PDB file of all heavy atoms in Angstrom:
ATOM      1  N   LEU A   1    -109.229-164.448 -84.650  1.00  0.00           N
ATOM      2  CA  LEU A   1    -109.136-164.559 -86.124  1.00  0.00           C
ATOM      3  C   LEU A   1    -109.419-166.033 -86.446  1.00  0.00           C
ATOM      4  O   LEU A   1    -109.221-166.886 -85.796  1.00  0.00           O
ATOM      5  CB  LEU A   1    -107.672-164.137 -86.448  1.00  0.00           C
ATOM      6  CG  LEU A   1    -107.316-162.706 -86.120  1.00  0.00           C
ATOM      7  CD1 LEU A   1    -105.801-162.559 -86.493  1.00  0.00           C
ATOM      8  CD2 LEU A   1    -108.197-161.769 -86.747  1.00  0.00           C
ATOM      9  N   THR A   2    -109.887-166.146 -87.735  1.00  0.00           N
ATOM     10  CA  THR A   2    -110.272-167.377 -88.293  1.00  0.00           C
ATOM     11  C   THR A   2    -109.153-167.887 -89.142  1.00  0.00           C
ATOM     12  O   THR A   2    -108.890-167.444 -90.263  1.00  0.00           O
ATOM     13  CB  THR A   2    -111.515-167.291 -89.133  1.00  0.00           C
ATOM     14  OG1 THR A   2    -112.618-166.761 -88.311  1.00  0.00           O
ATOM     15  CG2 THR A   2    -112.065-168.704 -89.654  1.00  0.00           C
ATOM     16  N   ALA A   3    -108.491-169.020 -88.554  1.00  0.00           N
ATOM     17  CA  ALA A   3    -107.288-169.616 -89.289  1.00  0.00           C
ATOM     18  C   ALA A   3    -107.805-170.909 -90.024  1.00  0.00           C
ATOM     19  O   ALA A   3    -108.731-171.499 -89.565  1.00  0.00           O
ATOM     20  CB  ALA A   3    -106.175-169.856 -88.325  1.00  0.00           C
ATOM     21  N   ILE A   4    -107.122-171.155 -91.108  1.00  0.00           N
ATOM     22  CA  ILE A   4    -107.365-172.477 -91.763  1.00  0.00           C
ATOM     23  C   ILE A   4    -106.765-173.582 -90.839  1.00  0.00           C
ATOM     24  O   ILE A   4    -105.602-173.482 -90.482  1.00  0.00           O
ATOM     25  CB  ILE A   4    -106.630-172.556 -93.199  1.00  0.00           C
ATOM     26  CG1 ILE A   4    -107.276-171.373 -94.065  1.00  0.00           C
ATOM     27  CG2 ILE A   4    -106.948-173.919 -93.802  1.00  0.00           C
ATOM     28  CD1 ILE A   4    -106.628-171.356 -95.343  1.00  0.00           C
ATOM     29  N   ARG A   5    -107.485-174.572 -90.449  1.00  0.00           N
ATOM     30  CA  ARG A   5    -106.995-175.564 -89.527  1.00  0.00           C
ATOM     31  C   ARG A   5    -105.881-176.403 -90.223  1.00  0.00           C
ATOM     32  O   ARG A   5    -105.840-176.588 -91.439  1.00  0.00           O
ATOM     33  CB  ARG A   5    -108.152-176.474 -89.100  1.00  0.00           C
ATOM     34  CG  ARG A   5    -108.825-177.254 -90.145  1.00  0.00           C
ATOM     35  CD  ARG A   5    -110.089-177.852 -89.606  1.00  0.00           C
ATOM     36  NE  ARG A   5    -110.877-178.544 -90.680  1.00  0.00           N
ATOM     37  CZ  ARG A   5    -110.717-179.867 -90.935  1.00  0.00           C
ATOM     38  NH1 ARG A   5    -109.924-180.606 -90.290  1.00  0.00           N
ATOM     39  NH2 ARG A   5    -111.433-180.440 -91.966  1.00  0.00           N
ATOM     40  N   GLY A   6    -104.982-176.815 -89.383  1.00  0.00           N
ATOM     41  CA  GLY A   6    -103.886-177.715 -89.881  1.00  0.00           C
ATOM     42  C   GLY A   6    -102.917-176.905 -90.665  1.00  0.00           C
ATOM     43  O   GLY A   6    -102.782-175.785 -90.593  1.00  0.00           O
ATOM     44  N   MET A   7    -102.060-177.657 -91.393  1.00  0.00           N
ATOM     45  CA  MET A   7    -100.940-177.106 -92.080  1.00  0.00           C
ATOM     46  C   MET A   7    -100.833-177.715 -93.460  1.00  0.00           C
ATOM     47  O   MET A   7    -101.452-178.823 -93.761  1.00  0.00           O
ATOM     48  CB  MET A   7     -99.675-177.304 -91.365  1.00  0.00           C
ATOM     49  CG  MET A   7     -99.271-178.714 -91.192  1.00  0.00           C
ATOM     50  SD  MET A   7     -97.853-178.959 -90.048  1.00  0.00           S
ATOM     51  CE  MET A   7     -98.745-178.882 -88.531  1.00  0.00           C
ATOM     52  N   VAL A   8    -100.053-177.184 -94.412  1.00  0.00           N
ATOM     53  CA  VAL A   8     -99.937-177.697 -95.749  1.00  0.00           C
ATOM     54  C   VAL A   8     -99.144-178.968 -95.558  1.00  0.00           C
ATOM     55  O   VAL A   8     -98.021-179.009 -95.105  1.00  0.00           O
ATOM     56  CB  VAL A   8     -99.156-176.652 -96.600  1.00  0.00           C
ATOM     57  CG1 VAL A   8     -98.989-177.306 -98.124  1.00  0.00           C
ATOM     58  CG2 VAL A   8     -99.913-175.387 -96.745  1.00  0.00           C
ATOM     59  N   PRO A   9     -99.591-180.154 -96.142  1.00  0.00           N
ATOM     60  CA  PRO A   9     -98.826-181.270 -96.178  1.00  0.00           C
ATOM     61  C   PRO A   9     -97.524-181.167 -96.993  1.00  0.00           C
ATOM     62  O   PRO A   9     -97.551-180.374 -97.868  1.00  0.00           O
ATOM     63  CB  PRO A   9     -99.813-182.327 -96.695  1.00  0.00           C
ATOM     64  CG  PRO A   9    -101.125-181.780 -96.768  1.00  0.00           C
ATOM     65  CD  PRO A   9    -100.867-180.278 -96.784  1.00  0.00           C
ATOM     66  N   THR A  10     -96.608-182.021 -96.654  1.00  0.00           N
ATOM     67  CA  THR A  10     -95.376-181.973 -97.538  1.00  0.00           C
ATOM     68  C   THR A  10     -95.750-182.633 -98.818  1.00  0.00           C
ATOM     69  O   THR A  10     -96.679-183.443 -98.856  1.00  0.00           O
ATOM     70  CB  THR A  10     -94.158-182.726 -96.853  1.00  0.00           C
ATOM     71  OG1 THR A  10     -94.645-184.081 -96.671  1.00  0.00           O
ATOM     72  CG2 THR A  10     -93.848-182.134 -95.547  1.00  0.00           C
ATOM     73  N   PRO A  11     -95.151-182.338 -99.962  1.00  0.00           N
ATOM     74  CA  PRO A  11     -95.395-182.956-101.281  1.00  0.00           C
ATOM     75  C   PRO A  11     -95.092-184.432-101.174  1.00  0.00           C
ATOM     76  O   PRO A  11     -95.810-185.163-101.890  1.00  0.00           O
ATOM     77  CB  PRO A  11     -94.391-182.346-102.182  1.00  0.00           C
ATOM     78  CG  PRO A  11     -94.017-180.869-101.552  1.00  0.00           C
ATOM     79  CD  PRO A  11     -94.140-181.128-100.087  1.00  0.00           C
ATOM     80  N   ALA A  12     -94.217-184.920-100.318  1.00  0.00           N
ATOM     81  CA  ALA A  12     -94.150-186.353-100.132  1.00  0.00           C
ATOM     82  C   ALA A  12     -95.231-186.997 -99.541  1.00  0.00           C
ATOM     83  O   ALA A  12     -95.462-188.254 -99.689  1.00  0.00           O
ATOM     84  CB  ALA A  12     -92.777-186.623 -99.353  1.00  0.00           C
ATOM     85  N   ASN A  13     -96.044-186.324 -98.816  1.00  0.00           N
ATOM     86  CA  ASN A  13     -97.377-186.826 -98.147  1.00  0.00           C
ATOM     87  C   ASN A  13     -98.525-186.379 -98.788  1.00  0.00           C
ATOM     88  O   ASN A  13     -99.514-186.025 -98.121  1.00  0.00           O
ATOM     89  CB  ASN A  13     -97.216-186.583 -96.658  1.00  0.00           C
ATOM     90  CG  ASN A  13     -96.050-187.263 -95.946  1.00  0.00           C
ATOM     91  OD1 ASN A  13     -95.784-188.348 -96.255  1.00  0.00           O
ATOM     92  ND2 ASN A  13     -95.374-186.555 -95.158  1.00  0.00           N
ATOM     93  N   ARG A  14     -98.578-186.060-100.075  1.00  0.00           N
ATOM     94  CA  ARG A  14     -99.619-185.555-100.766  1.00  0.00           C
ATOM     95  C   ARG A  14    -100.912-186.370-100.629  1.00  0.00           C
ATOM     96  O   ARG A  14    -100.955-187.594-100.849  1.00  0.00           O
ATOM     97  CB  ARG A  14     -99.347-185.353-102.234  1.00  0.00           C
ATOM     98  CG  ARG A  14    -100.450-184.684-103.065  1.00  0.00           C
ATOM     99  CD  ARG A  14    -100.130-184.709-104.617  1.00  0.00           C
ATOM    100  NE  ARG A  14     -98.929-184.112-104.847  1.00  0.00           N
ATOM    101  CZ  ARG A  14     -98.734-182.855-105.104  1.00  0.00           C
ATOM    102  NH1 ARG A  14     -99.823-182.103-105.066  1.00  0.00           N
ATOM    103  NH2 ARG A  14     -97.535-182.290-105.273  1.00  0.00           N
ATOM    104  N   PRO A  15    -102.055-185.870-100.044  1.00  0.00           N
ATOM    105  CA  PRO A  15    -103.177-186.629 -99.853  1.00  0.00           C
ATOM    106  C   PRO A  15    -103.850-187.103-101.234  1.00  0.00           C
ATOM    107  O   PRO A  15    -103.596-186.389-102.332  1.00  0.00           O
ATOM    108  CB  PRO A  15    -104.242-185.684 -99.172  1.00  0.00           C
ATOM    109  CG  PRO A  15    -103.375-184.563 -98.732  1.00  0.00           C
ATOM    110  CD  PRO A  15    -102.223-184.479 -99.608  1.00  0.00           C
ATOM    111  N   ALA A  16    -104.558-188.226-101.209  1.00  0.00           N
ATOM    112  CA  ALA A  16    -105.222-188.696-102.373  1.00  0.00           C
ATOM    113  C   ALA A  16    -106.418-187.735-102.659  1.00  0.00           C
ATOM    114  O   ALA A  16    -106.978-187.104-101.771  1.00  0.00           O
ATOM    115  CB  ALA A  16    -105.714-190.166-102.185  1.00  0.00           C
ATOM    116  N   GLY A  17    -106.836-187.716-103.877  1.00  0.00           N
ATOM    117  CA  GLY A  17    -108.001-186.850-104.327  1.00  0.00           C
ATOM    118  C   GLY A  17    -107.591-185.422-104.351  1.00  0.00           C
ATOM    119  O   GLY A  17    -106.480-185.110-104.710  1.00  0.00           O
ATOM    120  N   CYS A  18    -108.481-184.491-103.875  1.00  0.00           N
ATOM    121  CA  CYS A  18    -108.172-183.017-103.808  1.00  0.00           C
ATOM    122  C   CYS A  18    -107.078-182.841-102.666  1.00  0.00           C
ATOM    123  O   CYS A  18    -107.419-183.328-101.549  1.00  0.00           O
ATOM    124  CB  CYS A  18    -109.422-182.354-103.458  1.00  0.00           C
ATOM    125  SG  CYS A  18    -109.214-180.518-103.194  1.00  0.00           S
ATOM    126  N   PRO A  19    -106.104-182.222-102.958  1.00  0.00           N
ATOM    127  CA  PRO A  19    -105.024-182.063-101.910  1.00  0.00           C
ATOM    128  C   PRO A  19    -105.426-181.232-100.703  1.00  0.00           C
ATOM    129  O   PRO A  19    -104.803-181.350 -99.635  1.00  0.00           O
ATOM    130  CB  PRO A  19    -103.851-181.329-102.608  1.00  0.00           C
ATOM    131  CG  PRO A  19    -104.489-180.687-103.857  1.00  0.00           C
ATOM    132  CD  PRO A  19    -105.683-181.660-104.230  1.00  0.00           C
ATOM    133  N   PHE A  20    -106.533-180.356-100.835  1.00  0.00           N
ATOM    134  CA  PHE A  20    -107.013-179.577 -99.712  1.00  0.00           C
ATOM    135  C   PHE A  20    -108.027-180.180 -98.841  1.00  0.00           C
ATOM    136  O   PHE A  20    -108.406-179.691 -97.846  1.00  0.00           O
ATOM    137  CB  PHE A  20    -107.559-178.333-100.335  1.00  0.00           C
ATOM    138  CG  PHE A  20    -107.887-177.239 -99.302  1.00  0.00           C
ATOM    139  CD1 PHE A  20    -106.834-176.728 -98.458  1.00  0.00           C
ATOM    140  CD2 PHE A  20    -109.188-176.831 -99.074  1.00  0.00           C
ATOM    141  CE1 PHE A  20    -107.225-175.771 -97.580  1.00  0.00           C
ATOM    142  CE2 PHE A  20    -109.525-175.802 -98.158  1.00  0.00           C
ATOM    143  CZ  PHE A  20    -108.493-175.347 -97.356  1.00  0.00           C
ATOM    144  N   HIS A  21    -108.444-181.471 -99.201  1.00  0.00           N
ATOM    145  CA  HIS A  21    -109.541-182.126 -98.467  1.00  0.00           C
ATOM    146  C   HIS A  21    -109.294-182.272 -97.060  1.00  0.00           C
ATOM    147  O   HIS A  21    -110.197-182.269 -96.178  1.00  0.00           O
ATOM    148  CB  HIS A  21    -110.071-183.318 -99.183  1.00  0.00           C
ATOM    149  CG  HIS A  21    -109.285-184.549 -98.768  1.00  0.00           C
ATOM    150  ND1 HIS A  21    -108.161-185.045 -99.470  1.00  0.00           N
ATOM    151  CD2 HIS A  21    -109.499-185.432 -97.792  1.00  0.00           C
ATOM    152  CE1 HIS A  21    -107.689-186.111 -98.963  1.00  0.00           C
ATOM    153  NE2 HIS A  21    -108.546-186.436 -97.905  1.00  0.00           N
ATOM    154  N   THR A  22    -108.072-182.485 -96.593  1.00  0.00           N
ATOM    155  CA  THR A  22    -107.732-182.790 -95.207  1.00  0.00           C
ATOM    156  C   THR A  22    -107.913-181.561 -94.343  1.00  0.00           C
ATOM    157  O   THR A  22    -107.890-181.618 -93.128  1.00  0.00           O
ATOM    158  CB  THR A  22    -106.308-183.189 -95.073  1.00  0.00           C
ATOM    159  OG1 THR A  22    -105.389-182.244 -95.703  1.00  0.00           O
ATOM    160  CG2 THR A  22    -106.138-184.560 -95.750  1.00  0.00           C
ATOM    161  N   ARG A  23    -107.996-180.339 -94.950  1.00  0.00           N
ATOM    162  CA  ARG A  23    -108.151-179.126 -94.151  1.00  0.00           C
ATOM    163  C   ARG A  23    -109.497-178.315 -94.501  1.00  0.00           C
ATOM    164  O   ARG A  23    -109.671-177.311 -93.922  1.00  0.00           O
ATOM    165  CB  ARG A  23    -107.035-178.162 -94.439  1.00  0.00           C
ATOM    166  CG  ARG A  23    -105.605-178.842 -94.154  1.00  0.00           C
ATOM    167  CD  ARG A  23    -104.515-177.819 -94.686  1.00  0.00           C
ATOM    168  NE  ARG A  23    -104.425-176.583 -93.856  1.00  0.00           N
ATOM    169  CZ  ARG A  23    -103.708-175.489 -94.290  1.00  0.00           C
ATOM    170  NH1 ARG A  23    -103.105-175.533 -95.508  1.00  0.00           N
ATOM    171  NH2 ARG A  23    -103.677-174.488 -93.516  1.00  0.00           N
ATOM    172  N   CYS A  24    -110.278-178.993 -95.384  1.00  0.00           N
ATOM    173  CA  CYS A  24    -111.422-178.267 -96.059  1.00  0.00           C
ATOM    174  C   CYS A  24    -112.599-178.254 -95.116  1.00  0.00           C
ATOM    175  O   CYS A  24    -113.023-179.377 -94.463  1.00  0.00           O
ATOM    176  CB  CYS A  24    -111.697-178.875 -97.396  1.00  0.00           C
ATOM    177  SG  CYS A  24    -113.071-178.000 -98.278  1.00  0.00           S
ATOM    178  N   SER A  25    -113.443-177.199 -95.035  1.00  0.00           N
ATOM    179  CA  SER A  25    -114.652-177.246 -94.340  1.00  0.00           C
ATOM    180  C   SER A  25    -115.764-177.475 -95.139  1.00  0.00           C
ATOM    181  O   SER A  25    -116.953-177.661 -94.591  1.00  0.00           O
ATOM    182  CB  SER A  25    -114.882-175.787 -93.687  1.00  0.00           C
ATOM    183  OG  SER A  25    -114.965-174.789 -94.794  1.00  0.00           O
ATOM    184  N   GLN A  26    -115.551-177.884 -96.420  1.00  0.00           N
ATOM    185  CA  GLN A  26    -116.703-178.198 -97.371  1.00  0.00           C
ATOM    186  C   GLN A  26    -116.509-179.628 -97.919  1.00  0.00           C
ATOM    187  O   GLN A  26    -117.040-180.047 -98.900  1.00  0.00           O
ATOM    188  CB  GLN A  26    -116.698-177.187 -98.491  1.00  0.00           C
ATOM    189  CG  GLN A  26    -116.875-175.718 -98.095  1.00  0.00           C
ATOM    190  CD  GLN A  26    -118.228-175.419 -97.633  1.00  0.00           C
ATOM    191  OE1 GLN A  26    -119.211-176.278 -97.806  1.00  0.00           O
ATOM    192  NE2 GLN A  26    -118.466-174.402 -96.932  1.00  0.00           N
ATOM    193  N   VAL A  27    -115.627-180.428 -97.254  1.00  0.00           N
ATOM    194  CA  VAL A  27    -115.240-181.778 -97.832  1.00  0.00           C
ATOM    195  C   VAL A  27    -116.402-182.682 -98.027  1.00  0.00           C
ATOM    196  O   VAL A  27    -117.383-182.650 -97.116  1.00  0.00           O
ATOM    197  CB  VAL A  27    -114.220-182.434 -96.856  1.00  0.00           C
ATOM    198  CG1 VAL A  27    -114.821-182.780 -95.501  1.00  0.00           C
ATOM    199  CG2 VAL A  27    -113.648-183.661 -97.671  1.00  0.00           C
ATOM    200  N   ILE A  28    -116.503-183.404 -99.154  1.00  0.00           N
ATOM    201  CA  ILE A  28    -117.545-184.353 -99.414  1.00  0.00           C
ATOM    202  C   ILE A  28    -116.911-185.787 -99.296  1.00  0.00           C
ATOM    203  O   ILE A  28    -116.106-186.108-100.157  1.00  0.00           O
ATOM    204  CB  ILE A  28    -118.037-184.208-100.856  1.00  0.00           C
ATOM    205  CG1 ILE A  28    -118.596-182.804-101.009  1.00  0.00           C
ATOM    206  CG2 ILE A  28    -119.157-185.199-101.089  1.00  0.00           C
ATOM    207  CD1 ILE A  28    -119.004-182.550-102.476  1.00  0.00           C
ATOM    208  N   PRO A  29    -117.294-186.487 -98.194  1.00  0.00           N
ATOM    209  CA  PRO A  29    -116.606-187.844 -97.991  1.00  0.00           C
ATOM    210  C   PRO A  29    -116.802-188.740 -99.247  1.00  0.00           C
ATOM    211  O   PRO A  29    -117.907-188.768 -99.803  1.00  0.00           O
ATOM    212  CB  PRO A  29    -117.245-188.388 -96.681  1.00  0.00           C
ATOM    213  CG  PRO A  29    -117.780-187.173 -96.027  1.00  0.00           C
ATOM    214  CD  PRO A  29    -118.127-186.094 -97.162  1.00  0.00           C
ATOM    215  N   GLY A  30    -115.892-189.541 -99.566  1.00  0.00           N
ATOM    216  CA  GLY A  30    -115.971-190.437-100.674  1.00  0.00           C
ATOM    217  C   GLY A  30    -115.800-189.839-102.079  1.00  0.00           C
ATOM    218  O   GLY A  30    -115.688-190.563-103.008  1.00  0.00           O
ATOM    219  N   VAL A  31    -115.700-188.462-102.174  1.00  0.00           N
ATOM    220  CA  VAL A  31    -115.481-187.763-103.317  1.00  0.00           C
ATOM    221  C   VAL A  31    -114.172-187.026-103.323  1.00  0.00           C
ATOM    222  O   VAL A  31    -113.296-187.231-104.016  1.00  0.00           O
ATOM    223  CB  VAL A  31    -116.620-186.829-103.741  1.00  0.00           C
ATOM    224  CG1 VAL A  31    -116.362-186.026-105.065  1.00  0.00           C
ATOM    225  CG2 VAL A  31    -117.970-187.667-103.834  1.00  0.00           C
ATOM    226  N   CYS A  32    -114.013-186.040-102.335  1.00  0.00           N
ATOM    227  CA  CYS A  32    -112.885-185.177-102.300  1.00  0.00           C
ATOM    228  C   CYS A  32    -111.748-185.958-101.896  1.00  0.00           C
ATOM    229  O   CYS A  32    -110.597-185.571-102.282  1.00  0.00           O
ATOM    230  CB  CYS A  32    -113.227-184.031-101.289  1.00  0.00           C
ATOM    231  SG  CYS A  32    -114.517-182.932-101.713  1.00  0.00           S
ATOM    232  N   ASP A  33    -111.839-187.059-101.119  1.00  0.00           N
ATOM    233  CA  ASP A  33    -110.723-187.856-100.721  1.00  0.00           C
ATOM    234  C   ASP A  33    -110.363-188.903-101.663  1.00  0.00           C
ATOM    235  O   ASP A  33    -109.448-189.724-101.357  1.00  0.00           O
ATOM    236  CB  ASP A  33    -110.911-188.428 -99.293  1.00  0.00           C
ATOM    237  CG  ASP A  33    -112.225-189.243 -99.204  1.00  0.00           C
ATOM    238  OD1 ASP A  33    -112.899-189.231-100.298  1.00  0.00           O
ATOM    239  OD2 ASP A  33    -112.432-189.756 -98.171  1.00  0.00           O
ATOM    240  N   ALA A  34    -110.996-188.986-102.857  1.00  0.00           N
ATOM    241  CA  ALA A  34    -110.792-190.122-103.794  1.00  0.00           C
ATOM    242  C   ALA A  34    -110.483-189.541-105.292  1.00  0.00           C
ATOM    243  O   ALA A  34    -109.702-190.254-105.918  1.00  0.00           O
ATOM    244  CB  ALA A  34    -112.002-190.966-103.793  1.00  0.00           C
ATOM    245  N   GLN A  35    -111.018-188.398-105.661  1.00  0.00           N
ATOM    246  CA  GLN A  35    -110.844-187.951-106.928  1.00  0.00           C
ATOM    247  C   GLN A  35    -110.254-186.514-107.087  1.00  0.00           C
ATOM    248  O   GLN A  35    -110.615-185.753-106.262  1.00  0.00           O
ATOM    249  CB  GLN A  35    -112.282-187.995-107.666  1.00  0.00           C
ATOM    250  CG  GLN A  35    -113.043-189.291-107.690  1.00  0.00           C
ATOM    251  CD  GLN A  35    -114.505-189.159-108.160  1.00  0.00           C
ATOM    252  OE1 GLN A  35    -114.750-188.224-108.885  1.00  0.00           O
ATOM    253  NE2 GLN A  35    -115.323-190.117-107.757  1.00  0.00           N
ATOM    254  N   MET A  36    -109.367-186.325-108.067  1.00  0.00           N
ATOM    255  CA  MET A  36    -108.880-185.064-108.274  1.00  0.00           C
ATOM    256  C   MET A  36    -109.963-184.124-109.014  1.00  0.00           C
ATOM    257  O   MET A  36    -110.470-184.520-109.979  1.00  0.00           O
ATOM    258  CB  MET A  36    -107.612-185.063-109.118  1.00  0.00           C
ATOM    259  CG  MET A  36    -107.014-183.710-109.335  1.00  0.00           C
ATOM    260  SD  MET A  36    -106.243-183.032-107.793  1.00  0.00           S
ATOM    261  CE  MET A  36    -104.851-184.113-107.687  1.00  0.00           C
ATOM    262  N   PRO A  37    -110.356-182.922-108.454  1.00  0.00           N
ATOM    263  CA  PRO A  37    -111.359-182.232-109.089  1.00  0.00           C
ATOM    264  C   PRO A  37    -110.847-181.587-110.385  1.00  0.00           C
ATOM    265  O   PRO A  37    -109.726-181.252-110.554  1.00  0.00           O
ATOM    266  CB  PRO A  37    -111.631-181.095-108.061  1.00  0.00           C
ATOM    267  CG  PRO A  37    -110.310-180.944-107.320  1.00  0.00           C
ATOM    268  CD  PRO A  37    -109.852-182.330-107.218  1.00  0.00           C
ATOM    269  N   GLN A  38    -111.802-181.451-111.289  1.00  0.00           N
ATOM    270  CA  GLN A  38    -111.574-180.771-112.613  1.00  0.00           C
ATOM    271  C   GLN A  38    -111.948-179.321-112.470  1.00  0.00           C
ATOM    272  O   GLN A  38    -112.864-178.925-111.721  1.00  0.00           O
ATOM    273  CB  GLN A  38    -112.312-181.534-113.785  1.00  0.00           C
ATOM    274  CG  GLN A  38    -111.917-183.044-113.896  1.00  0.00           C
ATOM    275  CD  GLN A  38    -110.410-183.231-114.170  1.00  0.00           C
ATOM    276  OE1 GLN A  38    -109.887-182.590-115.015  1.00  0.00           O
ATOM    277  NE2 GLN A  38    -109.830-184.104-113.328  1.00  0.00           N
ATOM    278  N   TYR A  39    -111.472-178.529-113.531  1.00  0.00           N
ATOM    279  CA  TYR A  39    -111.880-177.105-113.555  1.00  0.00           C
ATOM    280  C   TYR A  39    -113.338-176.948-113.952  1.00  0.00           C
ATOM    281  O   TYR A  39    -113.795-177.625-114.893  1.00  0.00           O
ATOM    282  CB  TYR A  39    -110.910-176.351-114.374  1.00  0.00           C
ATOM    283  CG  TYR A  39    -109.642-176.053-113.850  1.00  0.00           C
ATOM    284  CD1 TYR A  39    -108.474-176.562-114.457  1.00  0.00           C
ATOM    285  CD2 TYR A  39    -109.452-175.229-112.833  1.00  0.00           C
ATOM    286  CE1 TYR A  39    -107.154-176.386-113.957  1.00  0.00           C
ATOM    287  CE2 TYR A  39    -108.097-175.058-112.284  1.00  0.00           C
ATOM    288  CZ  TYR A  39    -107.076-175.553-112.847  1.00  0.00           C
ATOM    289  OH  TYR A  39    -105.815-175.226-112.346  1.00  0.00           O
ATOM    290  N   SER A  40    -114.030-176.113-113.344  1.00  0.00           N
ATOM    291  CA  SER A  40    -115.291-175.539-113.590  1.00  0.00           C
ATOM    292  C   SER A  40    -115.253-174.094-113.837  1.00  0.00           C
ATOM    293  O   SER A  40    -114.408-173.335-113.213  1.00  0.00           O
ATOM    294  CB  SER A  40    -116.409-175.921-112.557  1.00  0.00           C
ATOM    295  OG  SER A  40    -116.378-177.289-112.297  1.00  0.00           O
ATOM    296  N   HIS A  41    -116.135-173.483-114.660  1.00  0.00           N
ATOM    297  CA  HIS A  41    -116.083-172.122-114.984  1.00  0.00           C
ATOM    298  C   HIS A  41    -117.109-171.354-114.040  1.00  0.00           C
ATOM    299  O   HIS A  41    -118.256-171.644-114.099  1.00  0.00           O
ATOM    300  CB  HIS A  41    -116.297-171.879-116.461  1.00  0.00           C
ATOM    301  CG  HIS A  41    -115.155-172.136-117.364  1.00  0.00           C
ATOM    302  ND1 HIS A  41    -114.148-171.269-117.558  1.00  0.00           N
ATOM    303  CD2 HIS A  41    -114.868-173.309-117.901  1.00  0.00           C
ATOM    304  CE1 HIS A  41    -113.353-171.755-118.433  1.00  0.00           C
ATOM    305  NE2 HIS A  41    -113.630-173.069-118.682  1.00  0.00           N
ATOM    306  N   ALA A  42    -116.571-170.524-113.221  1.00  0.00           N
ATOM    307  CA  ALA A  42    -117.443-169.694-112.410  1.00  0.00           C
ATOM    308  C   ALA A  42    -117.739-168.294-113.126  1.00  0.00           C
ATOM    309  O   ALA A  42    -118.481-167.462-112.510  1.00  0.00           O
ATOM    310  CB  ALA A  42    -116.763-169.357-111.012  1.00  0.00           C
ATOM    311  N   GLY A  43    -117.178-168.115-114.253  1.00  0.00           N
ATOM    312  CA  GLY A  43    -117.343-166.913-115.019  1.00  0.00           C
ATOM    313  C   GLY A  43    -116.602-167.022-116.394  1.00  0.00           C
ATOM    314  O   GLY A  43    -115.843-168.044-116.575  1.00  0.00           O
ATOM    315  N   PRO A  44    -116.610-166.123-117.168  1.00  0.00           N
ATOM    316  CA  PRO A  44    -115.907-166.306-118.551  1.00  0.00           C
ATOM    317  C   PRO A  44    -114.482-166.496-118.347  1.00  0.00           C
ATOM    318  O   PRO A  44    -113.826-167.321-119.144  1.00  0.00           O
ATOM    319  CB  PRO A  44    -116.172-165.000-119.258  1.00  0.00           C
ATOM    320  CG  PRO A  44    -117.441-164.373-118.625  1.00  0.00           C
ATOM    321  CD  PRO A  44    -117.406-164.937-117.200  1.00  0.00           C
TER     322      PRO A  44
END
């Protein structure tokens, strides 16, 4: 089975930028670890 690697960090150790970037398979260095993403519309 394909598991998400790692575990959810505690709120006290919230990562900078996107909170999921430490476990993400699509991470963009210098972006995801630095800036909080804004909402985009994938549909109405």
